[in-house]
All heavy atoms as atom14 arrays in JSON, in Angstrom:
{
  "sequence": "RLMKESLKLGTRNVAIDPDSEADELLAPGRNTVEAV",
  "atom14_mask": [
    [1, 1, 1, 1, 1, 1, 1, 1, 1, 1, 1, 0, 0, 0],
    [1, 1, 1, 1, 1, 1, 1, 1, 0, 0, 0, 0, 0, 0],
    [1, 1, 1, 1, 1, 1, 1, 1, 0, 0, 0, 0, 0, 0],
    [1, 1, 1, 1, 1, 1, 1, 1, 1, 0, 0, 0, 0, 0],
    [1, 1, 1, 1, 1, 1, 1, 1, 1, 0, 0, 0, 0, 0],
    [1, 1, 1, 1, 1, 1, 0, 0, 0, 0, 0, 0, 0, 0],
    [1, 1, 1, 1, 1, 1, 1, 1, 0, 0, 0, 0, 0, 0],
    [1, 1, 1, 1, 1, 1, 1, 1, 1, 0, 0, 0, 0, 0],
    [1, 1, 1, 1, 1, 1, 1, 1, 0, 0, 0, 0, 0, 0],
    [1, 1, 1, 1, 0, 0, 0, 0, 0, 0, 0, 0, 0, 0],
    [1, 1, 1, 1, 1, 1, 1, 0, 0, 0, 0, 0, 0, 0],
    [1, 1, 1, 1, 1, 1, 1, 1, 1, 1, 1, 0, 0, 0],
    [1, 1, 1, 1, 1, 1, 1, 1, 0, 0, 0, 0, 0, 0],
    [1, 1, 1, 1, 1, 1, 1, 0, 0, 0, 0, 0, 0, 0],
    [1, 1, 1, 1, 1, 0, 0, 0, 0, 0, 0, 0, 0, 0],
    [1, 1, 1, 1, 1, 1, 1, 1, 0, 0, 0, 0, 0, 0],
    [1, 1, 1, 1, 1, 1, 1, 1, 0, 0, 0, 0, 0, 0],
    [1, 1, 1, 1, 1, 1, 1, 0, 0, 0, 0, 0, 0, 0],
    [1, 1, 1, 1, 1, 1, 1, 1, 0, 0, 0, 0, 0, 0],
    [1, 1, 1, 1, 1, 1, 0, 0, 0, 0, 0, 0, 0, 0],
    [1, 1, 1, 1, 1, 1, 1, 1, 1, 0, 0, 0, 0, 0],
    [1, 1, 1, 1, 1, 0, 0, 0, 0, 0, 0, 0, 0, 0],
    [1, 1, 1, 1, 1, 1, 1, 1, 0, 0, 0, 0, 0, 0],
    [1, 1, 1, 1, 1, 1, 1, 1, 1, 0, 0, 0, 0, 0],
    [1, 1, 1, 1, 1, 1, 1, 1, 0, 0, 0, 0, 0, 0],
    [1, 1, 1, 1, 1, 1, 1, 1, 0, 0, 0, 0, 0, 0],
    [1, 1, 1, 1, 1, 0, 0, 0, 0, 0, 0, 0, 0, 0],
    [1, 1, 1, 1, 1, 1, 1, 0, 0, 0, 0, 0, 0, 0],
    [1, 1, 1, 1, 0, 0, 0, 0, 0, 0, 0, 0, 0, 0],
    [1, 1, 1, 1, 1, 1, 1, 1, 1, 1, 1, 0, 0, 0],
    [1, 1, 1, 1, 1, 1, 1, 1, 0, 0, 0, 0, 0, 0],
    [1, 1, 1, 1, 1, 1, 1, 0, 0, 0, 0, 0, 0, 0],
    [1, 1, 1, 1, 1, 1, 1, 0, 0, 0, 0, 0, 0, 0],
    [1, 1, 1, 1, 1, 1, 1, 1, 1, 0, 0, 0, 0, 0],
    [1, 1, 1, 1, 1, 0, 0, 0, 0, 0, 0, 0, 0, 0],
    [1, 1, 1, 1, 1, 1, 1, 0, 0, 0, 0, 0, 0, 0]
  ],
  "atom14_positions": [
    [[0.84, -1.24, -0.03], [0.18, 0.01, 0.0], [0.83, 1.2, -0.08], [0.56, 2.25, -0.74], [-0.85, -0.08, 1.23], [-2.11, -1.04, 1.05], [-2.76, -1.19, 2.4], [-3.88, -2.13, 2.38], [-3.63, -3.48, 2.33], [-2.46, -3.94, 2.52], [-4.77, -4.29, 2.28], [0.0, 0.0, 0.0], [0.0, 0.0, 0.0], [0.0, 0.0, 0.0]],
    [[2.05, 1.28, 0.79], [2.87, 2.44, 0.8], [3.5, 2.64, -0.59], [3.74, 3.82, -0.97], [3.87, 2.17, 1.91], [4.73, 3.46, 2.29], [3.8, 4.49, 2.76], [5.73, 2.97, 3.4], [0.0, 0.0, 0.0], [0.0, 0.0, 0.0], [0.0, 0.0, 0.0], [0.0, 0.0, 0.0], [0.0, 0.0, 0.0], [0.0, 0.0, 0.0]],
    [[3.95, 1.6, -1.32], [4.49, 1.86, -2.45], [3.53, 2.44, -3.49], [3.83, 3.35, -4.34], [5.01, 0.43, -3.1], [6.38, 0.09, -2.5], [7.15, -1.23, -3.42], [6.4, -2.69, -2.65], [0.0, 0.0, 0.0], [0.0, 0.0, 0.0], [0.0, 0.0, 0.0], [0.0, 0.0, 0.0], [0.0, 0.0, 0.0], [0.0, 0.0, 0.0]],
    [[2.21, 1.87, -3.51], [1.13, 2.32, -4.39], [0.83, 3.85, -4.06], [0.8, 4.64, -5.06], [-0.07, 1.54, -4.16], [-1.07, 1.76, -5.08], [-2.41, 1.09, -4.86], [-2.1, -0.45, -5.03], [-3.3, -1.27, -5.1], [0.0, 0.0, 0.0], [0.0, 0.0, 0.0], [0.0, 0.0, 0.0], [0.0, 0.0, 0.0], [0.0, 0.0, 0.0]],
    [[0.76, 4.2, -2.84], [0.53, 5.66, -2.39], [1.55, 6.49, -2.95], [1.44, 7.73, -3.34], [0.43, 5.89, -0.93], [-0.95, 5.14, -0.38], [-0.95, 5.28, 1.04], [-0.11, 5.92, 1.77], [-1.84, 4.48, 1.68], [0.0, 0.0, 0.0], [0.0, 0.0, 0.0], [0.0, 0.0, 0.0], [0.0, 0.0, 0.0], [0.0, 0.0, 0.0]],
    [[2.96, 6.1, -2.92], [4.05, 6.94, -3.29], [4.02, 7.28, -4.78], [4.5, 8.45, -5.17], [5.33, 6.2, -2.98], [5.63, 5.06, -3.81], [0.0, 0.0, 0.0], [0.0, 0.0, 0.0], [0.0, 0.0, 0.0], [0.0, 0.0, 0.0], [0.0, 0.0, 0.0], [0.0, 0.0, 0.0], [0.0, 0.0, 0.0], [0.0, 0.0, 0.0]],
    [[3.35, 6.52, -5.55], [3.25, 6.74, -6.96], [2.23, 7.84, -7.33], [2.36, 8.36, -8.38], [2.89, 5.54, -7.76], [3.94, 4.38, -7.68], [3.31, 3.18, -8.39], [5.19, 4.8, -8.51], [0.0, 0.0, 0.0], [0.0, 0.0, 0.0], [0.0, 0.0, 0.0], [0.0, 0.0, 0.0], [0.0, 0.0, 0.0], [0.0, 0.0, 0.0]],
    [[1.32, 8.11, -6.36], [0.35, 9.15, -6.65], [-0.3, 9.18, -7.94], [-0.36, 10.15, -8.78], [0.94, 10.51, -6.36], [1.67, 10.81, -5.01], [2.22, 12.11, -4.86], [2.9, 12.3, -3.44], [2.05, 11.83, -2.31], [0.0, 0.0, 0.0], [0.0, 0.0, 0.0], [0.0, 0.0, 0.0], [0.0, 0.0, 0.0], [0.0, 0.0, 0.0]],
    [[-0.79, 8.05, -8.42], [-1.38, 7.77, -9.59], [-3.02, 7.63, -9.53], [-3.65, 7.09, -10.56], [-0.79, 6.64, -10.41], [0.68, 6.95, -10.84], [1.12, 5.77, -11.66], [0.63, 8.13, -11.85], [0.0, 0.0, 0.0], [0.0, 0.0, 0.0], [0.0, 0.0, 0.0], [0.0, 0.0, 0.0], [0.0, 0.0, 0.0], [0.0, 0.0, 0.0]],
    [[-3.53, 7.82, -8.33], [-4.95, 7.64, -8.12], [-5.31, 6.13, -8.06], [-6.46, 5.8, -8.27], [0.0, 0.0, 0.0], [0.0, 0.0, 0.0], [0.0, 0.0, 0.0], [0.0, 0.0, 0.0], [0.0, 0.0, 0.0], [0.0, 0.0, 0.0], [0.0, 0.0, 0.0], [0.0, 0.0, 0.0], [0.0, 0.0, 0.0], [0.0, 0.0, 0.0]],
    [[-4.43, 5.18, -7.72], [-4.81, 3.91, -7.66], [-4.65, 3.22, -6.25], [-4.84, 2.1, -6.02], [-3.78, 2.99, -8.57], [-2.54, 3.17, -8.02], [-3.7, 3.52, -10.02], [0.0, 0.0, 0.0], [0.0, 0.0, 0.0], [0.0, 0.0, 0.0], [0.0, 0.0, 0.0], [0.0, 0.0, 0.0], [0.0, 0.0, 0.0], [0.0, 0.0, 0.0]],
    [[-4.51, 4.15, -5.17], [-4.27, 3.63, -3.85], [-5.41, 2.9, -3.26], [-5.28, 2.01, -2.48], [-3.97, 4.91, -3.0], [-5.13, 5.84, -2.89], [-4.67, 7.06, -1.84], [-4.59, 6.53, -0.56], [-4.34, 7.45, 0.4], [-3.97, 8.66, 0.16], [-4.1, 6.93, 1.64], [0.0, 0.0, 0.0], [0.0, 0.0, 0.0], [0.0, 0.0, 0.0]],
    [[-6.73, 3.23, -3.69], [-7.89, 2.34, -3.26], [-8.21, 1.27, -4.0], [-9.28, 0.55, -3.66], [-9.02, 3.37, -3.11], [-8.81, 4.43, -2.11], [-8.31, 4.3, -1.09], [-9.39, 5.85, -2.45], [0.0, 0.0, 0.0], [0.0, 0.0, 0.0], [0.0, 0.0, 0.0], [0.0, 0.0, 0.0], [0.0, 0.0, 0.0], [0.0, 0.0, 0.0]],
    [[-7.41, 0.76, -4.99], [-7.68, -0.41, -5.77], [-6.7, -1.37, -5.28], [-5.5, -1.48, -5.66], [-7.5, -0.09, -7.24], [-7.88, -1.39, -8.14], [-8.33, 1.05, -7.67], [0.0, 0.0, 0.0], [0.0, 0.0, 0.0], [0.0, 0.0, 0.0], [0.0, 0.0, 0.0], [0.0, 0.0, 0.0], [0.0, 0.0, 0.0], [0.0, 0.0, 0.0]],
    [[-7.17, -2.36, -4.52], [-6.37, -3.36, -3.75], [-6.0, -4.48, -4.75], [-6.75, -4.65, -5.61], [-6.94, -3.81, -2.54], [0.0, 0.0, 0.0], [0.0, 0.0, 0.0], [0.0, 0.0, 0.0], [0.0, 0.0, 0.0], [0.0, 0.0, 0.0], [0.0, 0.0, 0.0], [0.0, 0.0, 0.0], [0.0, 0.0, 0.0], [0.0, 0.0, 0.0]],
    [[-4.85, -5.07, -4.35], [-4.5, -6.32, -5.18], [-5.28, -7.43, -4.6], [-5.49, -7.66, -3.53], [-3.04, -6.68, -4.94], [-2.16, -5.5, -5.58], [-2.63, -7.91, -5.61], [-0.59, -5.65, -5.26], [0.0, 0.0, 0.0], [0.0, 0.0, 0.0], [0.0, 0.0, 0.0], [0.0, 0.0, 0.0], [0.0, 0.0, 0.0], [0.0, 0.0, 0.0]],
    [[-5.93, -8.19, -5.57], [-6.83, -9.32, -5.14], [-5.91, -10.4, -4.63], [-5.04, -10.95, -5.26], [-7.47, -9.82, -6.38], [-8.47, -10.89, -6.12], [-8.55, -11.45, -4.85], [-9.19, -11.42, -7.04], [0.0, 0.0, 0.0], [0.0, 0.0, 0.0], [0.0, 0.0, 0.0], [0.0, 0.0, 0.0], [0.0, 0.0, 0.0], [0.0, 0.0, 0.0]],
    [[-6.21, -10.71, -3.3], [-5.27, -11.75, -2.67], [-5.49, -13.12, -3.18], [-4.69, -14.06, -3.19], [-5.67, -11.74, -1.28], [-7.04, -11.21, -1.13], [-7.07, -10.15, -2.37], [0.0, 0.0, 0.0], [0.0, 0.0, 0.0], [0.0, 0.0, 0.0], [0.0, 0.0, 0.0], [0.0, 0.0, 0.0], [0.0, 0.0, 0.0], [0.0, 0.0, 0.0]],
    [[-6.51, -13.25, -4.12], [-6.81, -14.63, -4.75], [-6.16, -14.7, -6.21], [-6.25, -15.84, -6.87], [-8.27, -14.92, -4.94], [-8.87, -15.09, -3.42], [-8.24, -15.7, -2.6], [-9.88, -14.58, -3.24], [0.0, 0.0, 0.0], [0.0, 0.0, 0.0], [0.0, 0.0, 0.0], [0.0, 0.0, 0.0], [0.0, 0.0, 0.0], [0.0, 0.0, 0.0]],
    [[-5.53, -13.55, -6.62], [-4.84, -13.67, -7.87], [-3.68, -14.64, -7.99], [-3.0, -14.65, -6.96], [-4.51, -12.17, -8.2], [-5.55, -11.26, -8.31], [0.0, 0.0, 0.0], [0.0, 0.0, 0.0], [0.0, 0.0, 0.0], [0.0, 0.0, 0.0], [0.0, 0.0, 0.0], [0.0, 0.0, 0.0], [0.0, 0.0, 0.0], [0.0, 0.0, 0.0]],
    [[-3.51, -15.39, -9.09], [-2.39, -16.13, -9.16], [-1.2, -15.25, -9.36], [-1.15, -14.29, -9.92], [-2.55, -17.17, -10.35], [-3.78, -18.02, -10.02], [-3.57, -19.05, -9.01], [-2.35, -19.29, -8.66], [-4.52, -19.48, -8.31], [0.0, 0.0, 0.0], [0.0, 0.0, 0.0], [0.0, 0.0, 0.0], [0.0, 0.0, 0.0], [0.0, 0.0, 0.0]],
    [[-0.05, -15.83, -9.02], [1.29, -15.14, -8.93], [1.63, -14.8, -10.41], [2.12, -13.7, -10.84], [2.29, -15.94, -8.38], [0.0, 0.0, 0.0], [0.0, 0.0, 0.0], [0.0, 0.0, 0.0], [0.0, 0.0, 0.0], [0.0, 0.0, 0.0], [0.0, 0.0, 0.0], [0.0, 0.0, 0.0], [0.0, 0.0, 0.0], [0.0, 0.0, 0.0]],
    [[1.48, -15.79, -11.37], [1.76, -15.61, -12.75], [1.02, -14.39, -13.32], [1.48, -13.57, -14.15], [1.32, -16.78, -13.47], [2.37, -17.98, -13.31], [3.37, -17.71, -12.72], [2.05, -19.2, -13.64], [0.0, 0.0, 0.0], [0.0, 0.0, 0.0], [0.0, 0.0, 0.0], [0.0, 0.0, 0.0], [0.0, 0.0, 0.0], [0.0, 0.0, 0.0]],
    [[-0.19, -14.23, -13.02], [-1.07, -13.15, -13.41], [-0.6, -11.78, -12.9], [-0.35, -10.94, -13.57], [-2.6, -13.35, -12.99], [-3.46, -12.17, -13.22], [-4.72, -12.38, -12.64], [-5.24, -13.45, -12.38], [-5.45, -11.33, -12.5], [0.0, 0.0, 0.0], [0.0, 0.0, 0.0], [0.0, 0.0, 0.0], [0.0, 0.0, 0.0], [0.0, 0.0, 0.0]],
    [[-0.22, -11.71, -11.63], [0.32, -10.49, -10.9], [1.75, -10.18, -11.42], [2.2, -8.98, -11.39], [0.41, -10.76, -9.4], [-0.98, -10.86, -8.85], [-0.93, -11.17, -7.31], [-1.69, -9.49, -8.91], [0.0, 0.0, 0.0], [0.0, 0.0, 0.0], [0.0, 0.0, 0.0], [0.0, 0.0, 0.0], [0.0, 0.0, 0.0], [0.0, 0.0, 0.0]],
    [[2.48, -11.15, -12.04], [3.84, -10.9, -12.48], [3.92, -10.53, -14.0], [4.92, -10.16, -14.44], [4.72, -12.04, -12.13], [4.98, -12.31, -10.77], [5.81, -13.57, -10.49], [5.59, -11.12, -10.07], [0.0, 0.0, 0.0], [0.0, 0.0, 0.0], [0.0, 0.0, 0.0], [0.0, 0.0, 0.0], [0.0, 0.0, 0.0], [0.0, 0.0, 0.0]],
    [[2.73, -10.61, -14.62], [2.58, -10.22, -16.18], [2.54, -8.73, -16.28], [2.12, -8.09, -15.32], [1.47, -10.98, -16.7], [0.0, 0.0, 0.0], [0.0, 0.0, 0.0], [0.0, 0.0, 0.0], [0.0, 0.0, 0.0], [0.0, 0.0, 0.0], [0.0, 0.0, 0.0], [0.0, 0.0, 0.0], [0.0, 0.0, 0.0], [0.0, 0.0, 0.0]],
    [[2.87, -8.28, -17.32], [2.73, -6.75, -17.6], [1.13, -6.33, -17.51], [0.31, -7.08, -17.95], [3.29, -6.62, -18.98], [4.08, -7.84, -19.32], [3.49, -8.96, -18.56], [0.0, 0.0, 0.0], [0.0, 0.0, 0.0], [0.0, 0.0, 0.0], [0.0, 0.0, 0.0], [0.0, 0.0, 0.0], [0.0, 0.0, 0.0], [0.0, 0.0, 0.0]],
    [[1.12, -5.22, -16.82], [-0.33, -4.72, -16.67], [-0.8, -4.18, -17.97], [-0.02, -3.48, -18.77], [0.0, 0.0, 0.0], [0.0, 0.0, 0.0], [0.0, 0.0, 0.0], [0.0, 0.0, 0.0], [0.0, 0.0, 0.0], [0.0, 0.0, 0.0], [0.0, 0.0, 0.0], [0.0, 0.0, 0.0], [0.0, 0.0, 0.0], [0.0, 0.0, 0.0]],
    [[-2.19, -4.25, -18.21], [-2.69, -3.78, -19.49], [-3.51, -2.44, -19.32], [-4.28, -1.93, -20.08], [-3.63, -4.93, -20.13], [-2.69, -5.97, -20.79], [-3.5, -7.1, -21.26], [-4.31, -7.75, -20.28], [-5.16, -8.78, -20.59], [-5.26, -9.19, -21.83], [-5.77, -9.3, -19.52], [0.0, 0.0, 0.0], [0.0, 0.0, 0.0], [0.0, 0.0, 0.0]],
    [[-3.48, -1.97, -18.07], [-4.08, -0.61, -17.84], [-3.24, 0.01, -16.63], [-2.46, -0.77, -16.02], [-5.55, -0.59, -17.49], [-5.84, -1.68, -16.42], [-5.5, -1.39, -15.21], [-6.69, -2.7, -16.83], [0.0, 0.0, 0.0], [0.0, 0.0, 0.0], [0.0, 0.0, 0.0], [0.0, 0.0, 0.0], [0.0, 0.0, 0.0], [0.0, 0.0, 0.0]],
    [[-3.47, 1.34, -16.23], [-2.7, 1.77, -15.21], [-2.72, 1.14, -13.81], [-1.76, 0.93, -13.23], [-2.98, 3.29, -15.08], [-2.78, 3.96, -16.21], [-2.19, 4.0, -14.01], [0.0, 0.0, 0.0], [0.0, 0.0, 0.0], [0.0, 0.0, 0.0], [0.0, 0.0, 0.0], [0.0, 0.0, 0.0], [0.0, 0.0, 0.0], [0.0, 0.0, 0.0]],
    [[-4.0, 0.66, -13.51], [-4.1, 0.04, -12.3], [-3.37, -1.21, -12.14], [-2.63, -1.53, -11.16], [-5.65, -0.18, -11.84], [-5.88, -1.18, -10.71], [-6.29, 1.16, -11.62], [0.0, 0.0, 0.0], [0.0, 0.0, 0.0], [0.0, 0.0, 0.0], [0.0, 0.0, 0.0], [0.0, 0.0, 0.0], [0.0, 0.0, 0.0], [0.0, 0.0, 0.0]],
    [[-3.6, -2.09, -13.25], [-2.83, -3.23, -13.49], [-1.26, -3.14, -13.32], [-0.47, -3.79, -12.73], [-3.17, -4.08, -14.63], [-4.59, -4.83, -14.45], [-4.69, -5.7, -15.66], [-3.9, -5.76, -16.62], [-5.7, -6.51, -15.7], [0.0, 0.0, 0.0], [0.0, 0.0, 0.0], [0.0, 0.0, 0.0], [0.0, 0.0, 0.0], [0.0, 0.0, 0.0]],
    [[-0.83, -2.06, -14.04], [0.63, -1.73, -14.19], [1.23, -1.45, -12.8], [2.28, -1.9, -12.36], [0.85, -0.77, -15.19], [0.0, 0.0, 0.0], [0.0, 0.0, 0.0], [0.0, 0.0, 0.0], [0.0, 0.0, 0.0], [0.0, 0.0, 0.0], [0.0, 0.0, 0.0], [0.0, 0.0, 0.0], [0.0, 0.0, 0.0], [0.0, 0.0, 0.0]],
    [[0.46, -0.67, -12.09], [0.84, -0.21, -10.73], [0.81, -1.58, -9.76], [1.87, -1.79, -9.13], [0.0, 0.84, -10.16], [0.3, 1.03, -8.66], [0.27, 2.08, -10.77], [0.0, 0.0, 0.0], [0.0, 0.0, 0.0], [0.0, 0.0, 0.0], [0.0, 0.0, 0.0], [0.0, 0.0, 0.0], [0.0, 0.0, 0.0], [0.0, 0.0, 0.0]]
  ]
}
């Protein structure tokens, strides 16, 4: 959360889904929220 807030890109309130698979989270993001 602290890393996300430091970017100041308006994504701080969009949490990472804890049920996401690691392979998905390590892939390049296809929008700003995913990229962050």
